[in-house]
PDB file of N, CA and C in Angstrom:
ATOM      1  N   UNK A   1      -9.853   2.778  13.902  1.00  0.00           N
ATOM      2  CA  UNK A   1      -9.070   3.280  12.710  1.00  0.00           C
ATOM      3  C   UNK A   1      -7.777   2.358  12.576  1.00  0.00           C
ATOM      4  N   UNK A   2      -7.605   1.852  11.397  1.00  0.00           N
ATOM      5  CA  UNK A   2      -6.460   1.011  11.158  1.00  0.00           C
ATOM      6  C   UNK A   2      -5.182   1.805  11.038  1.00  0.00           C
ATOM      7  N   UNK A   3      -4.078   1.093  11.428  1.00  0.00           N
ATOM      8  CA  UNK A   3      -2.736   1.785  11.322  1.00  0.00           C
ATOM      9  C   UNK A   3      -1.802   0.817  10.530  1.00  0.00           C
ATOM     10  N   UNK A   4      -1.322   1.344   9.463  1.00  0.00           N
ATOM     11  CA  UNK A   4      -0.428   0.604   8.562  1.00  0.00           C
ATOM     12  C   UNK A   4       1.059   1.149   8.798  1.00  0.00           C
ATOM     13  N   UNK A   5       1.959   0.204   9.037  1.00  0.00           N
ATOM     14  CA  UNK A   5       3.283   0.652   9.168  1.00  0.00           C
ATOM     15  C   UNK A   5       4.316  -0.226   8.316  1.00  0.00           C
ATOM     16  N   UNK A   6       5.402   0.422   7.991  1.00  0.00           N
ATOM     17  CA  UNK A   6       6.393  -0.325   7.298  1.00  0.00           C
ATOM     18  C   UNK A   6       7.806   0.071   7.877  1.00  0.00           C
ATOM     19  N   UNK A   7       8.716  -0.900   7.814  1.00  0.00           N
ATOM     20  CA  UNK A   7      10.060  -0.658   8.411  1.00  0.00           C
ATOM     21  C   UNK A   7      11.023  -1.496   7.632  1.00  0.00           C
ATOM     22  N   UNK A   8      12.079  -0.937   7.247  1.00  0.00           N
ATOM     23  CA  UNK A   8      13.214  -1.551   6.610  1.00  0.00           C
ATOM     24  C   UNK A   8      14.258  -1.819   7.563  1.00  0.00           C
ATOM     25  N   UNK A   9      14.466  -2.991   7.972  1.00  0.00           N
ATOM     26  CA  UNK A   9      15.459  -3.416   8.991  1.00  0.00           C
ATOM     27  C   UNK A   9      16.525  -4.252   8.445  1.00  0.00           C
ATOM     28  N   UNK A  10      17.485  -4.593   9.324  1.00  0.00           N
ATOM     29  CA  UNK A  10      18.666  -5.496   8.953  1.00  0.00           C
ATOM     30  C   UNK A  10      18.084  -6.837   8.684  1.00  0.00           C
ATOM     31  N   UNK A  11      17.009  -7.232   9.193  1.00  0.00           N
ATOM     32  CA  UNK A  11      16.394  -8.583   8.906  1.00  0.00           C
ATOM     33  C   UNK A  11      15.486  -8.489   7.692  1.00  0.00           C
ATOM     34  N   UNK A  12      15.246  -7.410   7.039  1.00  0.00           N
ATOM     35  CA  UNK A  12      14.366  -7.364   5.974  1.00  0.00           C
ATOM     36  C   UNK A  12      13.289  -6.313   6.198  1.00  0.00           C
ATOM     37  N   UNK A  13      12.229  -6.390   5.298  1.00  0.00           N
ATOM     38  CA  UNK A  13      11.177  -5.501   5.403  1.00  0.00           C
ATOM     39  C   UNK A  13       9.993  -6.118   6.273  1.00  0.00           C
ATOM     40  N   UNK A  14       9.342  -5.192   6.969  1.00  0.00           N
ATOM     41  CA  UNK A  14       8.221  -5.558   7.857  1.00  0.00           C
ATOM     42  C   UNK A  14       7.145  -4.581   7.457  1.00  0.00           C
ATOM     43  N   UNK A  15       5.901  -5.147   7.133  1.00  0.00           N
ATOM     44  CA  UNK A  15       4.711  -4.356   6.843  1.00  0.00           C
ATOM     45  C   UNK A  15       3.611  -4.859   7.691  1.00  0.00           C
ATOM     46  N   UNK A  16       3.085  -4.030   8.555  1.00  0.00           N
ATOM     47  CA  UNK A  16       1.979  -4.439   9.532  1.00  0.00           C
ATOM     48  C   UNK A  16       0.730  -3.577   9.443  1.00  0.00           C
ATOM     49  N   UNK A  17      -0.331  -4.218   9.821  1.00  0.00           N
ATOM     50  CA  UNK A  17      -1.622  -3.440   9.918  1.00  0.00           C
ATOM     51  C   UNK A  17      -2.113  -3.863  11.319  1.00  0.00           C
ATOM     52  N   UNK A  18      -2.134  -2.804  12.098  1.00  0.00           N
ATOM     53  CA  UNK A  18      -2.598  -2.995  13.475  1.00  0.00           C
ATOM     54  C   UNK A  18      -1.716  -3.983  14.248  1.00  0.00           C
ATOM     55  N   UNK A  19      -0.428  -4.050  13.929  1.00  0.00           N
ATOM     56  CA  UNK A  19       0.493  -4.887  14.653  1.00  0.00           C
ATOM     57  C   UNK A  19       0.574  -6.271  14.086  1.00  0.00           C
ATOM     58  N   UNK A  20      -0.200  -6.605  13.022  1.00  0.00           N
ATOM     59  CA  UNK A  20      -0.025  -7.926  12.369  1.00  0.00           C
ATOM     60  C   UNK A  20       0.355  -7.871  10.971  1.00  0.00           C
ATOM     61  N   UNK A  21       1.000  -8.848  10.440  1.00  0.00           N
ATOM     62  CA  UNK A  21       1.542  -8.799   9.075  1.00  0.00           C
ATOM     63  C   UNK A  21       0.440  -8.475   8.152  1.00  0.00           C
ATOM     64  N   UNK A  22       0.625  -7.654   7.121  1.00  0.00           N
ATOM     65  CA  UNK A  22      -0.367  -7.241   6.141  1.00  0.00           C
ATOM     66  C   UNK A  22      -0.371  -8.388   5.084  1.00  0.00           C
ATOM     67  N   UNK A  23      -1.567  -8.838   4.818  1.00  0.00           N
ATOM     68  CA  UNK A  23      -1.786  -9.930   3.746  1.00  0.00           C
ATOM     69  C   UNK A  23      -1.327  -9.290   2.383  1.00  0.00           C
ATOM     70  N   UNK A  24      -0.477  -9.999   1.560  1.00  0.00           N
ATOM     71  CA  UNK A  24      -0.022  -9.341   0.353  1.00  0.00           C
ATOM     72  C   UNK A  24      -1.091  -9.274  -0.825  1.00  0.00           C
ATOM     73  N   UNK A  25      -2.256  -9.787  -0.496  1.00  0.00           N
ATOM     74  CA  UNK A  25      -3.391  -9.656  -1.557  1.00  0.00           C
ATOM     75  C   UNK A  25      -3.078 -10.417  -2.811  1.00  0.00           C
ATOM     76  N   UNK A  26      -2.289 -11.493  -2.798  1.00  0.00           N
ATOM     77  CA  UNK A  26      -2.028 -12.235  -3.970  1.00  0.00           C
ATOM     78  C   UNK A  26      -3.221 -12.885  -4.507  1.00  0.00           C
ATOM     79  N   UNK A  27      -4.287 -13.113  -3.651  1.00  0.00           N
ATOM     80  CA  UNK A  27      -5.608 -13.627  -4.168  1.00  0.00           C
ATOM     81  C   UNK A  27      -6.373 -12.579  -5.000  1.00  0.00           C
ATOM     82  N   UNK A  28      -5.944 -11.279  -4.920  1.00  0.00           N
ATOM     83  CA  UNK A  28      -6.568 -10.283  -5.738  1.00  0.00           C
ATOM     84  C   UNK A  28      -5.851 -10.143  -7.048  1.00  0.00           C
ATOM     85  N   UNK A  29      -4.537 -10.042  -6.927  1.00  0.00           N
ATOM     86  CA  UNK A  29      -3.631 -10.053  -8.042  1.00  0.00           C
ATOM     87  C   UNK A  29      -2.252 -10.189  -7.632  1.00  0.00           C
ATOM     88  N   UNK A  30      -1.495 -11.049  -8.290  1.00  0.00           N
ATOM     89  CA  UNK A  30      -0.038 -11.230  -7.978  1.00  0.00           C
ATOM     90  C   UNK A  30       0.737 -10.405  -8.991  1.00  0.00           C
ATOM     91  N   UNK A  31       1.240  -9.283  -8.453  1.00  0.00           N
ATOM     92  CA  UNK A  31       2.027  -8.424  -9.352  1.00  0.00           C
ATOM     93  C   UNK A  31       3.510  -8.706  -9.149  1.00  0.00           C
ATOM     94  N   UNK A  32       3.900  -9.080  -7.942  1.00  0.00           N
ATOM     95  CA  UNK A  32       5.341  -9.319  -7.623  1.00  0.00           C
ATOM     96  C   UNK A  32       5.422 -10.587  -6.819  1.00  0.00           C
ATOM     97  N   UNK A  33       6.386 -11.451  -7.178  1.00  0.00           N
ATOM     98  CA  UNK A  33       6.681 -12.545  -6.361  1.00  0.00           C
ATOM     99  C   UNK A  33       7.674 -12.265  -5.279  1.00  0.00           C
ATOM    100  N   UNK A  34       8.101 -11.058  -5.249  1.00  0.00           N
ATOM    101  CA  UNK A  34       9.204 -10.676  -4.266  1.00  0.00           C
ATOM    102  C   UNK A  34       8.611  -9.962  -3.012  1.00  0.00           C
ATOM    103  N   UNK A  35       7.303 -10.045  -2.940  1.00  0.00           N
ATOM    104  CA  UNK A  35       6.738  -9.362  -1.753  1.00  0.00           C
ATOM    105  C   UNK A  35       6.615  -7.882  -1.881  1.00  0.00           C
ATOM    106  N   UNK A  36       6.744  -7.181  -0.791  1.00  0.00           N
ATOM    107  CA  UNK A  36       6.574  -5.704  -0.736  1.00  0.00           C
ATOM    108  C   UNK A  36       7.915  -4.973  -0.872  1.00  0.00           C
ATOM    109  N   UNK A  37       7.849  -3.731  -1.359  1.00  0.00           N
ATOM    110  CA  UNK A  37       8.926  -2.803  -1.294  1.00  0.00           C
ATOM    111  C   UNK A  37       8.278  -1.431  -1.457  1.00  0.00           C
ATOM    112  N   UNK A  38       9.055  -0.409  -1.226  1.00  0.00           N
ATOM    113  CA  UNK A  38       8.563   0.987  -1.318  1.00  0.00           C
ATOM    114  C   UNK A  38       9.727   1.962  -1.675  1.00  0.00           C
ATOM    115  N   UNK A  39       9.430   3.249  -1.827  1.00  0.00           N
ATOM    116  CA  UNK A  39      10.350   4.260  -2.167  1.00  0.00           C
ATOM    117  C   UNK A  39      10.742   4.340  -3.620  1.00  0.00           C
ATOM    118  N   UNK A  40      10.095   3.587  -4.475  1.00  0.00           N
ATOM    119  CA  UNK A  40      10.325   3.670  -5.874  1.00  0.00           C
ATOM    120  C   UNK A  40       9.115   3.123  -6.565  1.00  0.00           C
ATOM    121  N   UNK A  41       9.002   3.269  -7.866  1.00  0.00           N
ATOM    122  CA  UNK A  41       7.914   2.714  -8.727  1.00  0.00           C
ATOM    123  C   UNK A  41       8.326   1.372  -9.254  1.00  0.00           C
ATOM    124  N   UNK A  42       7.475   0.412  -9.111  1.00  0.00           N
ATOM    125  CA  UNK A  42       7.846  -0.967  -9.583  1.00  0.00           C
ATOM    126  C   UNK A  42       6.730  -1.987  -9.130  1.00  0.00           C
ATOM    127  N   UNK A  43       7.027  -3.205  -9.371  1.00  0.00           N
ATOM    128  CA  UNK A  43       6.074  -4.325  -9.136  1.00  0.00           C
ATOM    129  C   UNK A  43       5.940  -4.531  -7.690  1.00  0.00           C
ATOM    130  N   UNK A  44       6.988  -4.609  -6.788  1.00  0.00           N
ATOM    131  CA  UNK A  44       6.918  -4.865  -5.398  1.00  0.00           C
ATOM    132  C   UNK A  44       6.218  -3.650  -4.652  1.00  0.00           C
ATOM    133  N   UNK A  45       6.469  -2.407  -5.075  1.00  0.00           N
ATOM    134  CA  UNK A  45       5.706  -1.323  -4.451  1.00  0.00           C
ATOM    135  C   UNK A  45       4.190  -1.358  -4.869  1.00  0.00           C
ATOM    136  N   UNK A  46       3.981  -1.834  -6.106  1.00  0.00           N
ATOM    137  CA  UNK A  46       2.533  -1.909  -6.571  1.00  0.00           C
ATOM    138  C   UNK A  46       1.814  -3.088  -5.696  1.00  0.00           C
ATOM    139  N   UNK A  47       2.597  -4.138  -5.357  1.00  0.00           N
ATOM    140  CA  UNK A  47       2.001  -5.138  -4.550  1.00  0.00           C
ATOM    141  C   UNK A  47       1.617  -4.590  -3.189  1.00  0.00           C
ATOM    142  N   UNK A  48       2.507  -3.787  -2.604  1.00  0.00           N
ATOM    143  CA  UNK A  48       2.163  -3.013  -1.418  1.00  0.00           C
ATOM    144  C   UNK A  48       0.958  -2.204  -1.475  1.00  0.00           C
ATOM    145  N   UNK A  49       0.904  -1.417  -2.532  1.00  0.00           N
ATOM    146  CA  UNK A  49      -0.267  -0.485  -2.702  1.00  0.00           C
ATOM    147  C   UNK A  49      -1.501  -1.274  -2.779  1.00  0.00           C
ATOM    148  N   UNK A  50      -1.540  -2.319  -3.541  1.00  0.00           N
ATOM    149  CA  UNK A  50      -2.711  -3.200  -3.709  1.00  0.00           C
ATOM    150  C   UNK A  50      -3.094  -3.799  -2.382  1.00  0.00           C
ATOM    151  N   UNK A  51      -2.073  -4.269  -1.634  1.00  0.00           N
ATOM    152  CA  UNK A  51      -2.415  -4.914  -0.307  1.00  0.00           C
ATOM    153  C   UNK A  51      -3.038  -3.869   0.647  1.00  0.00           C
ATOM    154  N   UNK A  52      -2.453  -2.741   0.690  1.00  0.00           N
ATOM    155  CA  UNK A  52      -2.962  -1.746   1.676  1.00  0.00           C
ATOM    156  C   UNK A  52      -4.448  -1.403   1.212  1.00  0.00           C
ATOM    157  N   UNK A  53      -4.694  -1.129  -0.080  1.00  0.00           N
ATOM    158  CA  UNK A  53      -6.006  -0.862  -0.445  1.00  0.00           C
ATOM    159  C   UNK A  53      -7.082  -1.963  -0.371  1.00  0.00           C
ATOM    160  N   UNK A  54      -6.556  -3.164  -0.639  1.00  0.00           N
ATOM    161  CA  UNK A  54      -7.491  -4.329  -0.583  1.00  0.00           C
ATOM    162  C   UNK A  54      -7.911  -4.405   0.945  1.00  0.00           C
ATOM    163  N   UNK A  55      -6.965  -4.310   1.903  1.00  0.00           N
ATOM    164  CA  UNK A  55      -7.254  -4.318   3.304  1.00  0.00           C
ATOM    165  C   UNK A  55      -8.129  -3.157   3.752  1.00  0.00           C
ATOM    166  N   UNK A  56      -7.787  -1.911   3.228  1.00  0.00           N
ATOM    167  CA  UNK A  56      -8.527  -0.757   3.580  1.00  0.00           C
ATOM    168  C   UNK A  56      -9.970  -0.755   3.226  1.00  0.00           C
ATOM    169  N   UNK A  57     -10.194  -1.054   1.769  1.00  0.00           N
ATOM    170  CA  UNK A  57     -11.524  -1.100   1.219  1.00  0.00           C
ATOM    171  C   UNK A  57     -12.261  -2.325   1.653  1.00  0.00           C
ATOM    172  N   UNK A  58     -11.657  -3.469   1.781  1.00  0.00           N
ATOM    173  CA  UNK A  58     -12.306  -4.715   1.884  1.00  0.00           C
ATOM    174  C   UNK A  58     -13.036  -5.098   0.625  1.00  0.00           C
ATOM    175  N   UNK A  59     -12.620  -4.548  -0.548  1.00  0.00           N
ATOM    176  CA  UNK A  59     -13.270  -4.705  -1.806  1.00  0.00           C
ATOM    177  C   UNK A  59     -12.187  -4.778  -2.899  1.00  0.00           C
ATOM    178  N   UNK A  60     -11.890  -6.024  -3.351  1.00  0.00           N
ATOM    179  CA  UNK A  60     -10.912  -6.157  -4.384  1.00  0.00           C
ATOM    180  C   UNK A  60     -10.995  -5.291  -5.588  1.00  0.00           C
ATOM    181  N   UNK A  61     -12.225  -5.095  -6.124  1.00  0.00           N
ATOM    182  CA  UNK A  61     -12.448  -4.330  -7.287  1.00  0.00           C
ATOM    183  C   UNK A  61     -11.957  -2.963  -7.035  1.00  0.00           C
ATOM    184  N   UNK A  62     -12.348  -2.361  -5.970  1.00  0.00           N
ATOM    185  CA  UNK A  62     -12.014  -0.937  -5.738  1.00  0.00           C
ATOM    186  C   UNK A  62     -10.393  -0.841  -5.532  1.00  0.00           C
ATOM    187  N   UNK A  63      -9.802  -1.839  -4.799  1.00  0.00           N
ATOM    188  CA  UNK A  63      -8.356  -1.820  -4.754  1.00  0.00           C
ATOM    189  C   UNK A  63      -7.661  -1.843  -6.091  1.00  0.00           C
ATOM    190  N   UNK A  64      -8.145  -2.709  -7.035  1.00  0.00           N
ATOM    191  CA  UNK A  64      -7.635  -2.857  -8.343  1.00  0.00           C
ATOM    192  C   UNK A  64      -7.776  -1.618  -9.118  1.00  0.00           C
ATOM    193  N   UNK A  65      -8.841  -0.897  -8.830  1.00  0.00           N
ATOM    194  CA  UNK A  65      -9.061   0.320  -9.673  1.00  0.00           C
ATOM    195  C   UNK A  65      -8.166   1.573  -9.243  1.00  0.00           C
ATOM    196  N   UNK A  66      -7.569   1.409  -7.981  1.00  0.00           N
ATOM    197  CA  UNK A  66      -6.799   2.569  -7.464  1.00  0.00           C
ATOM    198  C   UNK A  66      -5.359   2.281  -7.222  1.00  0.00           C
ATOM    199  N   UNK A  67      -4.855   0.987  -7.225  1.00  0.00           N
ATOM    200  CA  UNK A  67      -3.573   0.755  -6.732  1.00  0.00           C
ATOM    201  C   UNK A  67      -2.443   1.391  -7.513  1.00  0.00           C
ATOM    202  N   UNK A  68      -2.566   1.444  -8.794  1.00  0.00           N
ATOM    203  CA  UNK A  68      -1.361   2.095  -9.580  1.00  0.00           C
ATOM    204  C   UNK A  68      -1.082   3.495  -9.192  1.00  0.00           C
ATOM    205  N   UNK A  69      -2.186   4.237  -9.193  1.00  0.00           N
ATOM    206  CA  UNK A  69      -1.975   5.701  -8.828  1.00  0.00           C
ATOM    207  C   UNK A  69      -1.502   5.806  -7.421  1.00  0.00           C
ATOM    208  N   UNK A  70      -2.169   5.025  -6.558  1.00  0.00           N
ATOM    209  CA  UNK A  70      -1.723   5.094  -5.109  1.00  0.00           C
ATOM    210  C   UNK A  70      -0.247   4.677  -4.919  1.00  0.00           C
ATOM    211  N   UNK A  71       0.280   3.679  -5.786  1.00  0.00           N
ATOM    212  CA  UNK A  71       1.683   3.393  -5.681  1.00  0.00           C
ATOM    213  C   UNK A  71       2.537   4.448  -6.170  1.00  0.00           C
ATOM    214  N   UNK A  72       2.253   5.113  -7.251  1.00  0.00           N
ATOM    215  CA  UNK A  72       3.067   6.141  -7.807  1.00  0.00           C
ATOM    216  C   UNK A  72       3.077   7.369  -6.971  1.00  0.00           C
ATOM    217  N   UNK A  73       1.955   7.750  -6.468  1.00  0.00           N
ATOM    218  CA  UNK A  73       1.815   8.973  -5.625  1.00  0.00           C
ATOM    219  C   UNK A  73       2.065   8.903  -4.178  1.00  0.00           C
ATOM    220  N   UNK A  74       1.934   7.656  -3.589  1.00  0.00           N
ATOM    221  CA  UNK A  74       2.019   7.507  -2.211  1.00  0.00           C
ATOM    222  C   UNK A  74       3.127   6.560  -1.840  1.00  0.00           C
ATOM    223  N   UNK A  75       3.113   5.232  -2.190  1.00  0.00           N
ATOM    224  CA  UNK A  75       3.892   4.251  -1.836  1.00  0.00           C
ATOM    225  C   UNK A  75       5.379   4.523  -2.334  1.00  0.00           C
ATOM    226  N   UNK A  76       5.514   4.992  -3.471  1.00  0.00           N
ATOM    227  CA  UNK A  76       6.841   5.297  -4.106  1.00  0.00           C
ATOM    228  C   UNK A  76       7.562   6.395  -3.374  1.00  0.00           C
ATOM    229  N   UNK A  77       6.801   7.175  -2.529  1.00  0.00           N
ATOM    230  CA  UNK A  77       7.430   8.328  -1.721  1.00  0.00           C
ATOM    231  C   UNK A  77       7.612   7.949  -0.280  1.00  0.00           C
ATOM    232  N   UNK A  78       7.272   6.793   0.115  1.00  0.00           N
ATOM    233  CA  UNK A  78       7.543   6.339   1.525  1.00  0.00           C
ATOM    234  C   UNK A  78       9.048   6.400   1.832  1.00  0.00           C
ATOM    235  N   UNK A  79       9.351   6.806   3.061  1.00  0.00           N
ATOM    236  CA  UNK A  79      10.663   6.674   3.633  1.00  0.00           C
ATOM    237  C   UNK A  79      10.938   5.278   4.060  1.00  0.00           C
ATOM    238  N   UNK A  80      12.144   4.959   4.571  1.00  0.00           N
ATOM    239  CA  UNK A  80      12.425   3.648   5.113  1.00  0.00           C
ATOM    240  C   UNK A  80      11.457   3.114   6.175  1.00  0.00           C
ATOM    241  N   UNK A  81      11.084   4.027   7.076  1.00  0.00           N
ATOM    242  CA  UNK A  81      10.055   3.773   8.004  1.00  0.00           C
ATOM    243  C   UNK A  81       8.879   4.601   7.644  1.00  0.00           C
ATOM    244  N   UNK A  82       7.646   4.132   7.596  1.00  0.00           N
ATOM    245  CA  UNK A  82       6.519   4.848   7.417  1.00  0.00           C
ATOM    246  C   UNK A  82       5.324   4.335   8.156  1.00  0.00           C
ATOM    247  N   UNK A  83       4.304   5.186   8.210  1.00  0.00           N
ATOM    248  CA  UNK A  83       3.084   4.947   8.940  1.00  0.00           C
ATOM    249  C   UNK A  83       1.924   5.717   8.246  1.00  0.00           C
ATOM    250  N   UNK A  84       0.854   5.034   8.093  1.00  0.00           N
ATOM    251  CA  UNK A  84      -0.459   5.593   7.539  1.00  0.00           C
ATOM    252  C   UNK A  84      -1.533   4.986   8.324  1.00  0.00           C
ATOM    253  N   UNK A  85      -2.482   5.918   8.765  1.00  0.00           N
ATOM    254  CA  UNK A  85      -3.731   5.477   9.363  1.00  0.00           C
ATOM    255  C   UNK A  85      -4.756   5.301   8.174  1.00  0.00           C
ATOM    256  N   UNK A  86      -5.932   4.687   8.513  1.00  0.00           N
ATOM    257  CA  UNK A  86      -6.914   4.658   7.518  1.00  0.00           C
ATOM    258  C   UNK A  86      -7.436   5.989   7.132  1.00  0.00           C
ATOM    259  N   UNK A  87      -7.375   7.003   7.943  1.00  0.00           N
ATOM    260  CA  UNK A  87      -7.753   8.336   7.664  1.00  0.00           C
ATOM    261  C   UNK A  87      -6.762   8.954   6.671  1.00  0.00           C
ATOM    262  N   UNK A  88      -5.509   8.617   6.761  1.00  0.00           N
ATOM    263  CA  UNK A  88      -4.416   9.042   5.878  1.00  0.00           C
ATOM    264  C   UNK A  88      -4.686   8.414   4.442  1.00  0.00           C
ATOM    265  N   UNK A  89      -4.983   7.189   4.446  1.00  0.00           N
ATOM    266  CA  UNK A  89      -5.266   6.488   3.313  1.00  0.00           C
ATOM    267  C   UNK A  89      -6.424   7.117   2.508  1.00  0.00           C
ATOM    268  N   UNK A  90      -7.488   7.373   3.276  1.00  0.00           N
ATOM    269  CA  UNK A  90      -8.659   8.086   2.739  1.00  0.00           C
ATOM    270  C   UNK A  90      -8.305   9.506   2.207  1.00  0.00           C
ATOM    271  N   UNK A  91      -7.468  10.205   2.922  1.00  0.00           N
ATOM    272  CA  UNK A  91      -7.068  11.589   2.448  1.00  0.00           C
ATOM    273  C   UNK A  91      -6.241  11.426   1.089  1.00  0.00           C
ATOM    274  N   UNK A  92      -5.351  10.499   1.037  1.00  0.00           N
ATOM    275  CA  UNK A  92      -4.546  10.266  -0.131  1.00  0.00           C
ATOM    276  C   UNK A  92      -5.453   9.872  -1.366  1.00  0.00           C
ATOM    277  N   UNK A  93      -6.410   9.046  -1.134  1.00  0.00           N
ATOM    278  CA  UNK A  93      -7.315   8.642  -2.124  1.00  0.00           C
ATOM    279  C   UNK A  93      -8.205   9.769  -2.696  1.00  0.00           C
ATOM    280  N   UNK A  94      -8.547  10.654  -1.756  1.00  0.00           N
ATOM    281  CA  UNK A  94      -9.389  11.864  -2.077  1.00  0.00           C
ATOM    282  C   UNK A  94      -8.494  12.745  -2.979  1.00  0.00           C
ATOM    283  N   UNK A  95      -7.297  12.946  -2.586  1.00  0.00           N
ATOM    284  CA  UNK A  95      -6.363  13.774  -3.300  1.00  0.00           C
ATOM    285  C   UNK A  95      -6.162  13.205  -4.773  1.00  0.00           C
ATOM    286  N   UNK A  96      -6.000  11.941  -4.800  1.00  0.00           N
ATOM    287  CA  UNK A  96      -5.834  11.282  -6.200  1.00  0.00           C
ATOM    288  C   UNK A  96      -7.132  11.468  -7.002  1.00  0.00           C
ATOM    289  N   UNK A  97      -8.257  11.352  -6.376  1.00  0.00           N
ATOM    290  CA  UNK A  97      -9.550  11.668  -7.186  1.00  0.00           C
ATOM    291  C   UNK A  97      -9.639  13.038  -7.532  1.00  0.00           C
ATOM    292  N   UNK A  98      -9.245  13.905  -6.753  1.00  0.00           N
ATOM    293  CA  UNK A  98      -9.286  15.411  -7.112  1.00  0.00           C
ATOM    294  C   UNK A  98      -8.269  15.684  -8.235  1.00  0.00           C
ATOM    295  N   UNK A  99      -7.184  15.087  -8.281  1.00  0.00           N
ATOM    296  CA  UNK A  99      -6.238  15.264  -9.397  1.00  0.00           C
ATOM    297  C   UNK A  99      -6.755  14.833 -10.710  1.00  0.00           C
ATOM    298  N   UNK A 100      -7.711  13.888 -10.694  1.00  0.00           N
ATOM    299  CA  UNK A 100      -8.285  13.317 -11.982  1.00  0.00           C
ATOM    300  C   UNK A 100      -9.266  14.253 -12.549  1.00  0.00           C
ATOM    301  N   UNK A 101      -9.763  15.195 -11.748  1.00  0.00           N
ATOM    302  CA  UNK A 101     -10.839  16.121 -12.212  1.00  0.00           C
ATOM    303  C   UNK A 101     -10.306  17.234 -13.071  1.00  0.00           C
TER     304      UNK A 101
END
């Protein structure tokens, strides 16, 4: 099970997956040139949402289909420090899908 973490420090933001820097998924779509951010809705949080989902799914098309809602419902609500497992990501995606019904 993967573990995604984010931390806002004096040296800047750090986003990791299993202890390694999370790829920003610019090859899928470049939404923000400023990297990642969270706790609000915008381009940098959308880039983080896309990166998490691209890594989680391993499928760019699935990540592109879900990242906007994932950003507004999940990433925009992260605290300064946050952690999500792949099971947490799956649960959030199921909740988003249920809301669409």
